[in-house]
């Protein structure tokens, strides 16, 4: 079960959740793997990562972006987990504007990898 990165004892409850989009991670400059799904319930959205792995980096972040170059991006949070975890979004994502989930090294502006969210 995916766990909350802020509170690992809390697992993701899929009851009433609708999958809006999903994607598979692809390598950028570094190796990443796994999948991500965007869930929605009552207007609240959550990114759920499954079997996620990434090479280590000094300042990795999760971004939602218009492209793989971090165009029109929103920083979701610092990447602190691997495996199965979830991240609740502060504001709903609009897939027509930000359809890529990026793993991005903020310190060096390096694209580690990405998943394109598709309905």
PDB file of N, CA and C in Angstrom:
ATOM      1  N   UNK A   1       0.832  -1.194   0.000  1.00  0.00           N
ATOM      2  CA  UNK A   1       0.000   0.000   0.000  1.00  0.00           C
ATOM      3  C   UNK A   1       0.875   1.255   0.000  1.00  0.00           C
ATOM      4  N   UNK A   2       0.543   2.232  -0.838  1.00  0.00           N
ATOM      5  CA  UNK A   2       1.289   3.485  -0.819  1.00  0.00           C
ATOM      6  C   UNK A   2       1.120   4.201   0.521  1.00  0.00           C
ATOM      7  N   UNK A   3       2.206   4.800   0.996  1.00  0.00           N
ATOM      8  CA  UNK A   3       2.177   5.515   2.269  1.00  0.00           C
ATOM      9  C   UNK A   3       2.360   7.009   2.036  1.00  0.00           C
ATOM     10  N   UNK A   4       1.909   7.786   2.990  1.00  0.00           N
ATOM     11  CA  UNK A   4       2.045   9.235   2.966  1.00  0.00           C
ATOM     12  C   UNK A   4       3.494   9.586   3.288  1.00  0.00           C
ATOM     13  N   UNK A   5       4.138  10.402   2.462  1.00  0.00           N
ATOM     14  CA  UNK A   5       5.536  10.753   2.706  1.00  0.00           C
ATOM     15  C   UNK A   5       5.696  11.588   3.967  1.00  0.00           C
ATOM     16  N   UNK A   6       4.676  12.340   4.342  1.00  0.00           N
ATOM     17  CA  UNK A   6       4.742  13.161   5.551  1.00  0.00           C
ATOM     18  C   UNK A   6       4.447  12.341   6.808  1.00  0.00           C
ATOM     19  N   UNK A   7       3.662  11.271   6.656  1.00  0.00           N
ATOM     20  CA  UNK A   7       3.281  10.423   7.788  1.00  0.00           C
ATOM     21  C   UNK A   7       3.238   8.971   7.299  1.00  0.00           C
ATOM     22  N   UNK A   8       4.382   8.263   7.314  1.00  0.00           N
ATOM     23  CA  UNK A   8       4.460   6.911   6.748  1.00  0.00           C
ATOM     24  C   UNK A   8       3.516   5.876   7.359  1.00  0.00           C
ATOM     25  N   UNK A   9       2.929   6.156   8.508  1.00  0.00           N
ATOM     26  CA  UNK A   9       1.974   5.204   9.078  1.00  0.00           C
ATOM     27  C   UNK A   9       0.600   5.330   8.423  1.00  0.00           C
ATOM     28  N   UNK A  10       0.397   6.362   7.606  1.00  0.00           N
ATOM     29  CA  UNK A  10      -0.876   6.596   6.929  1.00  0.00           C
ATOM     30  C   UNK A  10      -0.797   6.027   5.507  1.00  0.00           C
ATOM     31  N   UNK A  11      -1.721   5.133   5.152  1.00  0.00           N
ATOM     32  CA  UNK A  11      -1.739   4.547   3.812  1.00  0.00           C
ATOM     33  C   UNK A  11      -2.815   5.207   2.953  1.00  0.00           C
ATOM     34  N   UNK A  12      -2.644   5.088   1.649  1.00  0.00           N
ATOM     35  CA  UNK A  12      -3.568   5.691   0.698  1.00  0.00           C
ATOM     36  C   UNK A  12      -4.902   4.940   0.704  1.00  0.00           C
ATOM     37  N   UNK A  13      -5.983   5.662   0.865  1.00  0.00           N
ATOM     38  CA  UNK A  13      -7.324   5.089   0.841  1.00  0.00           C
ATOM     39  C   UNK A  13      -7.940   5.377  -0.527  1.00  0.00           C
ATOM     40  N   UNK A  14      -8.086   4.358  -1.345  1.00  0.00           N
ATOM     41  CA  UNK A  14      -8.600   4.547  -2.699  1.00  0.00           C
ATOM     42  C   UNK A  14     -10.134   4.573  -2.772  1.00  0.00           C
ATOM     43  N   UNK A  15     -10.805   4.444  -1.631  1.00  0.00           N
ATOM     44  CA  UNK A  15     -12.270   4.458  -1.598  1.00  0.00           C
ATOM     45  C   UNK A  15     -12.799   5.775  -2.179  1.00  0.00           C
ATOM     46  N   UNK A  16     -13.608   5.668  -3.212  1.00  0.00           N
ATOM     47  CA  UNK A  16     -14.204   6.852  -3.824  1.00  0.00           C
ATOM     48  C   UNK A  16     -13.261   7.637  -4.714  1.00  0.00           C
ATOM     49  N   UNK A  17     -12.039   7.184  -4.855  1.00  0.00           N
ATOM     50  CA  UNK A  17     -11.049   7.880  -5.691  1.00  0.00           C
ATOM     51  C   UNK A  17     -11.241   7.482  -7.148  1.00  0.00           C
ATOM     52  N   UNK A  18     -11.056   8.437  -8.042  1.00  0.00           N
ATOM     53  CA  UNK A  18     -11.140   8.172  -9.477  1.00  0.00           C
ATOM     54  C   UNK A  18      -9.770   8.428 -10.090  1.00  0.00           C
ATOM     55  N   UNK A  19      -9.283   7.481 -10.894  1.00  0.00           N
ATOM     56  CA  UNK A  19      -8.014   7.685 -11.600  1.00  0.00           C
ATOM     57  C   UNK A  19      -8.276   8.631 -12.768  1.00  0.00           C
ATOM     58  N   UNK A  20      -7.593   9.760 -12.765  1.00  0.00           N
ATOM     59  CA  UNK A  20      -7.741  10.771 -13.821  1.00  0.00           C
ATOM     60  C   UNK A  20      -6.743  10.526 -14.947  1.00  0.00           C
ATOM     61  N   UNK A  21      -5.510  10.144 -14.572  1.00  0.00           N
ATOM     62  CA  UNK A  21      -4.448   9.929 -15.553  1.00  0.00           C
ATOM     63  C   UNK A  21      -3.359   9.072 -14.919  1.00  0.00           C
ATOM     64  N   UNK A  22      -2.511   8.508 -15.779  1.00  0.00           N
ATOM     65  CA  UNK A  22      -1.390   7.719 -15.279  1.00  0.00           C
ATOM     66  C   UNK A  22      -0.239   7.790 -16.262  1.00  0.00           C
ATOM     67  N   UNK A  23       0.949   7.420 -15.772  1.00  0.00           N
ATOM     68  CA  UNK A  23       2.127   7.434 -16.630  1.00  0.00           C
ATOM     69  C   UNK A  23       3.216   6.540 -16.072  1.00  0.00           C
ATOM     70  N   UNK A  24       4.168   6.195 -16.940  1.00  0.00           N
ATOM     71  CA  UNK A  24       5.320   5.377 -16.589  1.00  0.00           C
ATOM     72  C   UNK A  24       6.565   6.239 -16.678  1.00  0.00           C
ATOM     73  N   UNK A  25       7.415   6.141 -15.674  1.00  0.00           N
ATOM     74  CA  UNK A  25       8.628   6.960 -15.656  1.00  0.00           C
ATOM     75  C   UNK A  25       9.624   6.522 -16.714  1.00  0.00           C
ATOM     76  N   UNK A  26      10.272   7.523 -17.307  1.00  0.00           N
ATOM     77  CA  UNK A  26      11.336   7.333 -18.297  1.00  0.00           C
ATOM     78  C   UNK A  26      12.564   8.079 -17.822  1.00  0.00           C
ATOM     79  N   UNK A  27      13.703   7.571 -18.191  1.00  0.00           N
ATOM     80  CA  UNK A  27      14.955   8.200 -17.801  1.00  0.00           C
ATOM     81  C   UNK A  27      15.132   9.548 -18.473  1.00  0.00           C
ATOM     82  N   UNK A  28      15.750  10.457 -17.730  1.00  0.00           N
ATOM     83  CA  UNK A  28      16.236  11.710 -18.284  1.00  0.00           C
ATOM     84  C   UNK A  28      17.743  11.551 -18.351  1.00  0.00           C
ATOM     85  N   UNK A  29      18.456  12.352 -17.577  1.00  0.00           N
ATOM     86  CA  UNK A  29      19.910  12.240 -17.486  1.00  0.00           C
ATOM     87  C   UNK A  29      20.298  11.084 -16.558  1.00  0.00           C
ATOM     88  N   UNK A  30      19.409  10.713 -15.658  1.00  0.00           N
ATOM     89  CA  UNK A  30      19.663   9.637 -14.699  1.00  0.00           C
ATOM     90  C   UNK A  30      18.574   8.575 -14.811  1.00  0.00           C
ATOM     91  N   UNK A  31      18.734   7.485 -14.090  1.00  0.00           N
ATOM     92  CA  UNK A  31      17.801   6.372 -14.146  1.00  0.00           C
ATOM     93  C   UNK A  31      16.667   6.546 -13.144  1.00  0.00           C
ATOM     94  N   UNK A  32      15.446   6.473 -13.635  1.00  0.00           N
ATOM     95  CA  UNK A  32      14.238   6.462 -12.804  1.00  0.00           C
ATOM     96  C   UNK A  32      13.336   5.356 -13.344  1.00  0.00           C
ATOM     97  N   UNK A  33      12.472   4.820 -12.497  1.00  0.00           N
ATOM     98  CA  UNK A  33      11.520   3.821 -12.965  1.00  0.00           C
ATOM     99  C   UNK A  33      10.313   3.811 -12.044  1.00  0.00           C
ATOM    100  N   UNK A  34       9.257   3.156 -12.512  1.00  0.00           N
ATOM    101  CA  UNK A  34       8.021   3.071 -11.744  1.00  0.00           C
ATOM    102  C   UNK A  34       6.885   3.733 -12.487  1.00  0.00           C
ATOM    103  N   UNK A  35       5.752   3.827 -11.795  1.00  0.00           N
ATOM    104  CA  UNK A  35       4.570   4.447 -12.381  1.00  0.00           C
ATOM    105  C   UNK A  35       3.997   5.487 -11.419  1.00  0.00           C
ATOM    106  N   UNK A  36       3.163   6.349 -11.966  1.00  0.00           N
ATOM    107  CA  UNK A  36       2.462   7.344 -11.160  1.00  0.00           C
ATOM    108  C   UNK A  36       1.037   7.456 -11.681  1.00  0.00           C
ATOM    109  N   UNK A  37       0.095   7.593 -10.757  1.00  0.00           N
ATOM    110  CA  UNK A  37      -1.305   7.798 -11.111  1.00  0.00           C
ATOM    111  C   UNK A  37      -1.806   9.051 -10.415  1.00  0.00           C
ATOM    112  N   UNK A  38      -2.653   9.789 -11.127  1.00  0.00           N
ATOM    113  CA  UNK A  38      -3.296  10.967 -10.574  1.00  0.00           C
ATOM    114  C   UNK A  38      -4.723  10.585 -10.206  1.00  0.00           C
ATOM    115  N   UNK A  39      -5.029  10.647  -8.916  1.00  0.00           N
ATOM    116  CA  UNK A  39      -6.369  10.331  -8.401  1.00  0.00           C
ATOM    117  C   UNK A  39      -7.085  11.621  -8.017  1.00  0.00           C
ATOM    118  N   UNK A  40      -8.426  11.573  -8.083  1.00  0.00           N
ATOM    119  CA  UNK A  40      -9.224  12.714  -7.654  1.00  0.00           C
ATOM    120  C   UNK A  40     -10.431  12.228  -6.862  1.00  0.00           C
ATOM    121  N   UNK A  41     -10.716  12.959  -5.792  1.00  0.00           N
ATOM    122  CA  UNK A  41     -11.915  12.703  -4.989  1.00  0.00           C
ATOM    123  C   UNK A  41     -12.377  14.034  -4.418  1.00  0.00           C
ATOM    124  N   UNK A  42     -13.602  14.393  -4.700  1.00  0.00           N
ATOM    125  CA  UNK A  42     -14.206  15.636  -4.190  1.00  0.00           C
ATOM    126  C   UNK A  42     -13.338  16.859  -4.486  1.00  0.00           C
ATOM    127  N   UNK A  43     -12.736  16.914  -5.682  1.00  0.00           N
ATOM    128  CA  UNK A  43     -11.929  18.062  -6.079  1.00  0.00           C
ATOM    129  C   UNK A  43     -10.498  18.037  -5.575  1.00  0.00           C
ATOM    130  N   UNK A  44     -10.167  17.098  -4.693  1.00  0.00           N
ATOM    131  CA  UNK A  44      -8.796  16.966  -4.190  1.00  0.00           C
ATOM    132  C   UNK A  44      -8.044  15.936  -5.018  1.00  0.00           C
ATOM    133  N   UNK A  45      -6.792  16.248  -5.336  1.00  0.00           N
ATOM    134  CA  UNK A  45      -6.003  15.351  -6.174  1.00  0.00           C
ATOM    135  C   UNK A  45      -4.774  14.828  -5.431  1.00  0.00           C
ATOM    136  N   UNK A  46      -4.388  13.608  -5.811  1.00  0.00           N
ATOM    137  CA  UNK A  46      -3.259  12.931  -5.185  1.00  0.00           C
ATOM    138  C   UNK A  46      -2.447  12.219  -6.252  1.00  0.00           C
ATOM    139  N   UNK A  47      -1.120  12.344  -6.167  1.00  0.00           N
ATOM    140  CA  UNK A  47      -0.224  11.567  -7.009  1.00  0.00           C
ATOM    141  C   UNK A  47       0.179  10.326  -6.227  1.00  0.00           C
ATOM    142  N   UNK A  48      -0.017   9.147  -6.830  1.00  0.00           N
ATOM    143  CA  UNK A  48       0.342   7.884  -6.187  1.00  0.00           C
ATOM    144  C   UNK A  48       1.452   7.232  -7.013  1.00  0.00           C
ATOM    145  N   UNK A  49       2.610   7.064  -6.395  1.00  0.00           N
ATOM    146  CA  UNK A  49       3.784   6.466  -7.023  1.00  0.00           C
ATOM    147  C   UNK A  49       3.837   4.983  -6.660  1.00  0.00           C
ATOM    148  N   UNK A  50       4.126   4.138  -7.652  1.00  0.00           N
ATOM    149  CA  UNK A  50       4.224   2.700  -7.426  1.00  0.00           C
ATOM    150  C   UNK A  50       5.558   2.180  -7.959  1.00  0.00           C
ATOM    151  N   UNK A  51       6.207   1.359  -7.153  1.00  0.00           N
ATOM    152  CA  UNK A  51       7.495   0.760  -7.530  1.00  0.00           C
ATOM    153  C   UNK A  51       8.477   1.802  -8.045  1.00  0.00           C
ATOM    154  N   UNK A  52       8.465   2.969  -7.441  1.00  0.00           N
ATOM    155  CA  UNK A  52       9.282   4.083  -7.905  1.00  0.00           C
ATOM    156  C   UNK A  52      10.716   3.975  -7.381  1.00  0.00           C
ATOM    157  N   UNK A  53      11.670   4.175  -8.282  1.00  0.00           N
ATOM    158  CA  UNK A  53      13.081   4.268  -7.902  1.00  0.00           C
ATOM    159  C   UNK A  53      13.721   5.406  -8.685  1.00  0.00           C
ATOM    160  N   UNK A  54      14.759   5.983  -8.103  1.00  0.00           N
ATOM    161  CA  UNK A  54      15.519   7.044  -8.753  1.00  0.00           C
ATOM    162  C   UNK A  54      16.950   6.994  -8.249  1.00  0.00           C
ATOM    163  N   UNK A  55      17.876   7.308  -9.129  1.00  0.00           N
ATOM    164  CA  UNK A  55      19.238   7.487  -8.668  1.00  0.00           C
ATOM    165  C   UNK A  55      19.243   8.635  -7.667  1.00  0.00           C
ATOM    166  N   UNK A  56      20.190   8.606  -6.755  1.00  0.00           N
ATOM    167  CA  UNK A  56      20.278   9.649  -5.732  1.00  0.00           C
ATOM    168  C   UNK A  56      20.742  10.969  -6.351  1.00  0.00           C
ATOM    169  N   UNK A  57      20.301  12.044  -5.753  1.00  0.00           N
ATOM    170  CA  UNK A  57      20.703  13.379  -6.178  1.00  0.00           C
ATOM    171  C   UNK A  57      20.716  14.297  -4.975  1.00  0.00           C
ATOM    172  N   UNK A  58      21.391  15.436  -5.083  1.00  0.00           N
ATOM    173  CA  UNK A  58      21.527  16.313  -3.920  1.00  0.00           C
ATOM    174  C   UNK A  58      20.276  17.109  -3.559  1.00  0.00           C
ATOM    175  N   UNK A  59      19.382  17.334  -4.503  1.00  0.00           N
ATOM    176  CA  UNK A  59      18.256  18.235  -4.246  1.00  0.00           C
ATOM    177  C   UNK A  59      17.081  17.864  -5.148  1.00  0.00           C
ATOM    178  N   UNK A  60      16.619  16.608  -5.053  1.00  0.00           N
ATOM    179  CA  UNK A  60      15.571  16.138  -5.958  1.00  0.00           C
ATOM    180  C   UNK A  60      14.199  16.633  -5.532  1.00  0.00           C
ATOM    181  N   UNK A  61      13.429  17.050  -6.517  1.00  0.00           N
ATOM    182  CA  UNK A  61      12.083  17.568  -6.313  1.00  0.00           C
ATOM    183  C   UNK A  61      11.116  16.872  -7.262  1.00  0.00           C
ATOM    184  N   UNK A  62       9.856  16.887  -6.888  1.00  0.00           N
ATOM    185  CA  UNK A  62       8.779  16.444  -7.761  1.00  0.00           C
ATOM    186  C   UNK A  62       8.133  17.702  -8.321  1.00  0.00           C
ATOM    187  N   UNK A  63       8.132  17.822  -9.642  1.00  0.00           N
ATOM    188  CA  UNK A  63       7.510  18.947 -10.319  1.00  0.00           C
ATOM    189  C   UNK A  63       6.359  18.430 -11.181  1.00  0.00           C
ATOM    190  N   UNK A  64       5.358  19.258 -11.371  1.00  0.00           N
ATOM    191  CA  UNK A  64       4.377  19.103 -12.437  1.00  0.00           C
ATOM    192  C   UNK A  64       4.737  20.163 -13.461  1.00  0.00           C
ATOM    193  N   UNK A  65       4.840  19.780 -14.737  1.00  0.00           N
ATOM    194  CA  UNK A  65       5.330  20.728 -15.737  1.00  0.00           C
ATOM    195  C   UNK A  65       4.653  20.519 -17.085  1.00  0.00           C
ATOM    196  N   UNK A  66       4.785  21.539 -17.926  1.00  0.00           N
ATOM    197  CA  UNK A  66       4.225  21.498 -19.271  1.00  0.00           C
ATOM    198  C   UNK A  66       5.069  20.630 -20.203  1.00  0.00           C
ATOM    199  N   UNK A  67       6.360  20.476 -19.879  1.00  0.00           N
ATOM    200  CA  UNK A  67       7.265  19.702 -20.728  1.00  0.00           C
ATOM    201  C   UNK A  67       8.395  19.125 -19.877  1.00  0.00           C
ATOM    202  N   UNK A  68       9.299  18.412 -20.499  1.00  0.00           N
ATOM    203  CA  UNK A  68      10.390  17.774 -19.754  1.00  0.00           C
ATOM    204  C   UNK A  68      11.538  18.729 -19.442  1.00  0.00           C
ATOM    205  N   UNK A  69      11.411  19.969 -19.868  1.00  0.00           N
ATOM    206  CA  UNK A  69      12.429  20.996 -19.573  1.00  0.00           C
ATOM    207  C   UNK A  69      11.992  21.900 -18.430  1.00  0.00           C
ATOM    208  N   UNK A  70      10.980  21.468 -17.705  1.00  0.00           N
ATOM    209  CA  UNK A  70      10.432  22.205 -16.555  1.00  0.00           C
ATOM    210  C   UNK A  70       9.790  23.525 -16.969  1.00  0.00           C
ATOM    211  N   UNK A  71       9.188  23.549 -18.161  1.00  0.00           N
ATOM    212  CA  UNK A  71       8.433  24.720 -18.588  1.00  0.00           C
ATOM    213  C   UNK A  71       7.126  24.802 -17.818  1.00  0.00           C
ATOM    214  N   UNK A  72       6.776  26.005 -17.385  1.00  0.00           N
ATOM    215  CA  UNK A  72       5.530  26.232 -16.658  1.00  0.00           C
ATOM    216  C   UNK A  72       5.347  25.195 -15.547  1.00  0.00           C
ATOM    217  N   UNK A  73       6.352  25.084 -14.682  1.00  0.00           N
ATOM    218  CA  UNK A  73       6.316  24.036 -13.656  1.00  0.00           C
ATOM    219  C   UNK A  73       5.758  24.535 -12.331  1.00  0.00           C
ATOM    220  N   UNK A  74       5.271  23.573 -11.543  1.00  0.00           N
ATOM    221  CA  UNK A  74       4.866  23.787 -10.165  1.00  0.00           C
ATOM    222  C   UNK A  74       5.630  22.776  -9.323  1.00  0.00           C
ATOM    223  N   UNK A  75       6.308  23.247  -8.287  1.00  0.00           N
ATOM    224  CA  UNK A  75       6.999  22.318  -7.402  1.00  0.00           C
ATOM    225  C   UNK A  75       5.977  21.688  -6.467  1.00  0.00           C
ATOM    226  N   UNK A  76       5.911  20.366  -6.465  1.00  0.00           N
ATOM    227  CA  UNK A  76       4.980  19.638  -5.605  1.00  0.00           C
ATOM    228  C   UNK A  76       5.598  19.470  -4.226  1.00  0.00           C
ATOM    229  N   UNK A  77       6.825  18.941  -4.190  1.00  0.00           N
ATOM    230  CA  UNK A  77       7.535  18.771  -2.919  1.00  0.00           C
ATOM    231  C   UNK A  77       8.910  18.173  -3.170  1.00  0.00           C
ATOM    232  N   UNK A  78       9.715  18.154  -2.137  1.00  0.00           N
ATOM    233  CA  UNK A  78      11.025  17.502  -2.185  1.00  0.00           C
ATOM    234  C   UNK A  78      10.793  15.993  -2.264  1.00  0.00           C
ATOM    235  N   UNK A  79      11.576  15.299  -3.091  1.00  0.00           N
ATOM    236  CA  UNK A  79      11.480  13.851  -3.195  1.00  0.00           C
ATOM    237  C   UNK A  79      12.217  13.229  -2.017  1.00  0.00           C
ATOM    238  N   UNK A  80      11.478  12.520  -1.175  1.00  0.00           N
ATOM    239  CA  UNK A  80      12.063  11.927   0.031  1.00  0.00           C
ATOM    240  C   UNK A  80      11.811  10.428   0.121  1.00  0.00           C
ATOM    241  N   UNK A  81      11.195   9.840  -0.900  1.00  0.00           N
ATOM    242  CA  UNK A  81      10.805   8.433  -0.799  1.00  0.00           C
ATOM    243  C   UNK A  81      11.063   7.702  -2.108  1.00  0.00           C
ATOM    244  N   UNK A  82      11.093   6.389  -2.004  1.00  0.00           N
ATOM    245  CA  UNK A  82      11.082   5.495  -3.150  1.00  0.00           C
ATOM    246  C   UNK A  82      10.054   4.407  -2.840  1.00  0.00           C
ATOM    247  N   UNK A  83       9.786   3.553  -3.801  1.00  0.00           N
ATOM    248  CA  UNK A  83       8.819   2.477  -3.566  1.00  0.00           C
ATOM    249  C   UNK A  83       7.407   2.927  -3.847  1.00  0.00           C
ATOM    250  N   UNK A  84       6.514   2.686  -2.889  1.00  0.00           N
ATOM    251  CA  UNK A  84       5.090   3.003  -3.028  1.00  0.00           C
ATOM    252  C   UNK A  84       4.715   4.106  -2.041  1.00  0.00           C
ATOM    253  N   UNK A  85       4.385   5.268  -2.570  1.00  0.00           N
ATOM    254  CA  UNK A  85       4.042   6.406  -1.720  1.00  0.00           C
ATOM    255  C   UNK A  85       3.091   7.334  -2.461  1.00  0.00           C
ATOM    256  N   UNK A  86       2.511   8.267  -1.704  1.00  0.00           N
ATOM    257  CA  UNK A  86       1.623   9.232  -2.340  1.00  0.00           C
ATOM    258  C   UNK A  86       1.878  10.627  -1.807  1.00  0.00           C
ATOM    259  N   UNK A  87       1.473  11.595  -2.635  1.00  0.00           N
ATOM    260  CA  UNK A  87       1.637  13.011  -2.323  1.00  0.00           C
ATOM    261  C   UNK A  87       0.333  13.712  -2.667  1.00  0.00           C
ATOM    262  N   UNK A  88      -0.260  14.369  -1.678  1.00  0.00           N
ATOM    263  CA  UNK A  88      -1.483  15.130  -1.920  1.00  0.00           C
ATOM    264  C   UNK A  88      -1.100  16.476  -2.538  1.00  0.00           C
ATOM    265  N   UNK A  89      -1.835  16.884  -3.562  1.00  0.00           N
ATOM    266  CA  UNK A  89      -1.542  18.138  -4.252  1.00  0.00           C
ATOM    267  C   UNK A  89      -2.247  19.301  -3.565  1.00  0.00           C
ATOM    268  N   UNK A  90      -1.547  20.415  -3.446  1.00  0.00           N
ATOM    269  CA  UNK A  90      -2.114  21.607  -2.809  1.00  0.00           C
ATOM    270  C   UNK A  90      -3.202  22.230  -3.676  1.00  0.00           C
ATOM    271  N   UNK A  91      -3.044  22.129  -5.001  1.00  0.00           N
ATOM    272  CA  UNK A  91      -4.027  22.670  -5.943  1.00  0.00           C
ATOM    273  C   UNK A  91      -4.203  21.662  -7.074  1.00  0.00           C
ATOM    274  N   UNK A  92      -5.400  21.585  -7.638  1.00  0.00           N
ATOM    275  CA  UNK A  92      -5.629  20.627  -8.723  1.00  0.00           C
ATOM    276  C   UNK A  92      -4.746  20.911  -9.935  1.00  0.00           C
ATOM    277  N   UNK A  93      -4.280  19.843 -10.569  1.00  0.00           N
ATOM    278  CA  UNK A  93      -3.479  19.970 -11.777  1.00  0.00           C
ATOM    279  C   UNK A  93      -4.415  20.025 -12.982  1.00  0.00           C
ATOM    280  N   UNK A  94      -4.054  20.849 -13.936  1.00  0.00           N
ATOM    281  CA  UNK A  94      -4.794  20.928 -15.200  1.00  0.00           C
ATOM    282  C   UNK A  94      -3.912  20.260 -16.249  1.00  0.00           C
ATOM    283  N   UNK A  95      -4.294  19.053 -16.655  1.00  0.00           N
ATOM    284  CA  UNK A  95      -3.456  18.246 -17.537  1.00  0.00           C
ATOM    285  C   UNK A  95      -3.152  18.924 -18.871  1.00  0.00           C
ATOM    286  N   UNK A  96      -4.043  19.781 -19.335  1.00  0.00           N
ATOM    287  CA  UNK A  96      -3.761  20.468 -20.592  1.00  0.00           C
ATOM    288  C   UNK A  96      -2.631  21.493 -20.425  1.00  0.00           C
ATOM    289  N   UNK A  97      -2.281  21.842 -19.195  1.00  0.00           N
ATOM    290  CA  UNK A  97      -1.201  22.797 -18.929  1.00  0.00           C
ATOM    291  C   UNK A  97       0.035  22.150 -18.312  1.00  0.00           C
ATOM    292  N   UNK A  98      -0.146  21.111 -17.518  1.00  0.00           N
ATOM    293  CA  UNK A  98       0.977  20.455 -16.839  1.00  0.00           C
ATOM    294  C   UNK A  98       0.734  18.949 -16.824  1.00  0.00           C
ATOM    295  N   UNK A  99       1.216  18.268 -17.851  1.00  0.00           N
ATOM    296  CA  UNK A  99       0.941  16.836 -17.954  1.00  0.00           C
ATOM    297  C   UNK A  99       2.149  15.953 -17.626  1.00  0.00           C
ATOM    298  N   UNK A 100       3.276  16.562 -17.271  1.00  0.00           N
ATOM    299  CA  UNK A 100       4.468  15.789 -16.944  1.00  0.00           C
ATOM    300  C   UNK A 100       4.774  15.841 -15.449  1.00  0.00           C
ATOM    301  N   UNK A 101       5.069  14.679 -14.870  1.00  0.00           N
ATOM    302  CA  UNK A 101       5.596  14.595 -13.513  1.00  0.00           C
ATOM    303  C   UNK A 101       7.098  14.446 -13.683  1.00  0.00           C
ATOM    304  N   UNK A 102       7.838  15.431 -13.197  1.00  0.00           N
ATOM    305  CA  UNK A 102       9.290  15.422 -13.338  1.00  0.00           C
ATOM    306  C   UNK A 102       9.967  15.087 -12.025  1.00  0.00           C
ATOM    307  N   UNK A 103      11.068  14.386 -12.115  1.00  0.00           N
ATOM    308  CA  UNK A 103      12.003  14.257 -11.006  1.00  0.00           C
ATOM    309  C   UNK A 103      13.152  15.173 -11.407  1.00  0.00           C
ATOM    310  N   UNK A 104      13.334  16.227 -10.646  1.00  0.00           N
ATOM    311  CA  UNK A 104      14.206  17.333 -11.046  1.00  0.00           C
ATOM    312  C   UNK A 104      15.193  17.661  -9.932  1.00  0.00           C
ATOM    313  N   UNK A 105      16.463  17.802 -10.292  1.00  0.00           N
ATOM    314  CA  UNK A 105      17.469  18.266  -9.332  1.00  0.00           C
ATOM    315  C   UNK A 105      17.459  19.790  -9.378  1.00  0.00           C
ATOM    316  N   UNK A 106      16.892  20.382  -8.351  1.00  0.00           N
ATOM    317  CA  UNK A 106      16.741  21.834  -8.308  1.00  0.00           C
ATOM    318  C   UNK A 106      18.097  22.537  -8.233  1.00  0.00           C
ATOM    319  N   UNK A 107      19.002  22.005  -7.440  1.00  0.00           N
ATOM    320  CA  UNK A 107      20.308  22.640  -7.238  1.00  0.00           C
ATOM    321  C   UNK A 107      21.083  22.811  -8.543  1.00  0.00           C
ATOM    322  N   UNK A 108      21.035  21.796  -9.423  1.00  0.00           N
ATOM    323  CA  UNK A 108      21.812  21.840 -10.663  1.00  0.00           C
ATOM    324  C   UNK A 108      20.950  21.929 -11.920  1.00  0.00           C
ATOM    325  N   UNK A 109      19.632  22.092 -11.761  1.00  0.00           N
ATOM    326  CA  UNK A 109      18.695  22.184 -12.888  1.00  0.00           C
ATOM    327  C   UNK A 109      18.868  21.006 -13.849  1.00  0.00           C
ATOM    328  N   UNK A 110      18.794  19.779 -13.285  1.00  0.00           N
ATOM    329  CA  UNK A 110      18.978  18.566 -14.076  1.00  0.00           C
ATOM    330  C   UNK A 110      17.696  17.734 -14.061  1.00  0.00           C
ATOM    331  N   UNK A 111      17.289  17.326 -15.246  1.00  0.00           N
ATOM    332  CA  UNK A 111      16.110  16.479 -15.439  1.00  0.00           C
ATOM    333  C   UNK A 111      16.518  15.025 -15.209  1.00  0.00           C
ATOM    334  N   UNK A 112      16.141  14.458 -14.064  1.00  0.00           N
ATOM    335  CA  UNK A 112      16.463  13.064 -13.764  1.00  0.00           C
ATOM    336  C   UNK A 112      15.582  12.120 -14.568  1.00  0.00           C
ATOM    337  N   UNK A 113      14.292  12.409 -14.654  1.00  0.00           N
ATOM    338  CA  UNK A 113      13.364  11.578 -15.404  1.00  0.00           C
ATOM    339  C   UNK A 113      11.961  12.124 -15.315  1.00  0.00           C
ATOM    340  N   UNK A 114      11.038  11.493 -16.023  1.00  0.00           N
ATOM    341  CA  UNK A 114       9.665  11.997 -16.051  1.00  0.00           C
ATOM    342  C   UNK A 114       8.659  10.911 -16.401  1.00  0.00           C
ATOM    343  N   UNK A 115       7.409  11.198 -16.092  1.00  0.00           N
ATOM    344  CA  UNK A 115       6.268  10.391 -16.523  1.00  0.00           C
ATOM    345  C   UNK A 115       5.250  11.340 -17.128  1.00  0.00           C
ATOM    346  N   UNK A 116       4.754  11.003 -18.301  1.00  0.00           N
ATOM    347  CA  UNK A 116       3.699  11.801 -18.922  1.00  0.00           C
ATOM    348  C   UNK A 116       2.361  11.262 -18.460  1.00  0.00           C
ATOM    349  N   UNK A 117       1.545  12.121 -17.865  1.00  0.00           N
ATOM    350  CA  UNK A 117       0.216  11.726 -17.390  1.00  0.00           C
ATOM    351  C   UNK A 117      -0.753  11.721 -18.562  1.00  0.00           C
ATOM    352  N   UNK A 118      -1.334  10.536 -18.799  1.00  0.00           N
ATOM    353  CA  UNK A 118      -2.294  10.379 -19.896  1.00  0.00           C
ATOM    354  C   UNK A 118      -3.605   9.842 -19.329  1.00  0.00           C
ATOM    355  N   UNK A 119      -4.740  10.392 -19.821  1.00  0.00           N
ATOM    356  CA  UNK A 119      -6.056   9.913 -19.343  1.00  0.00           C
ATOM    357  C   UNK A 119      -6.267   8.435 -19.646  1.00  0.00           C
TER     358      UNK A 119
END
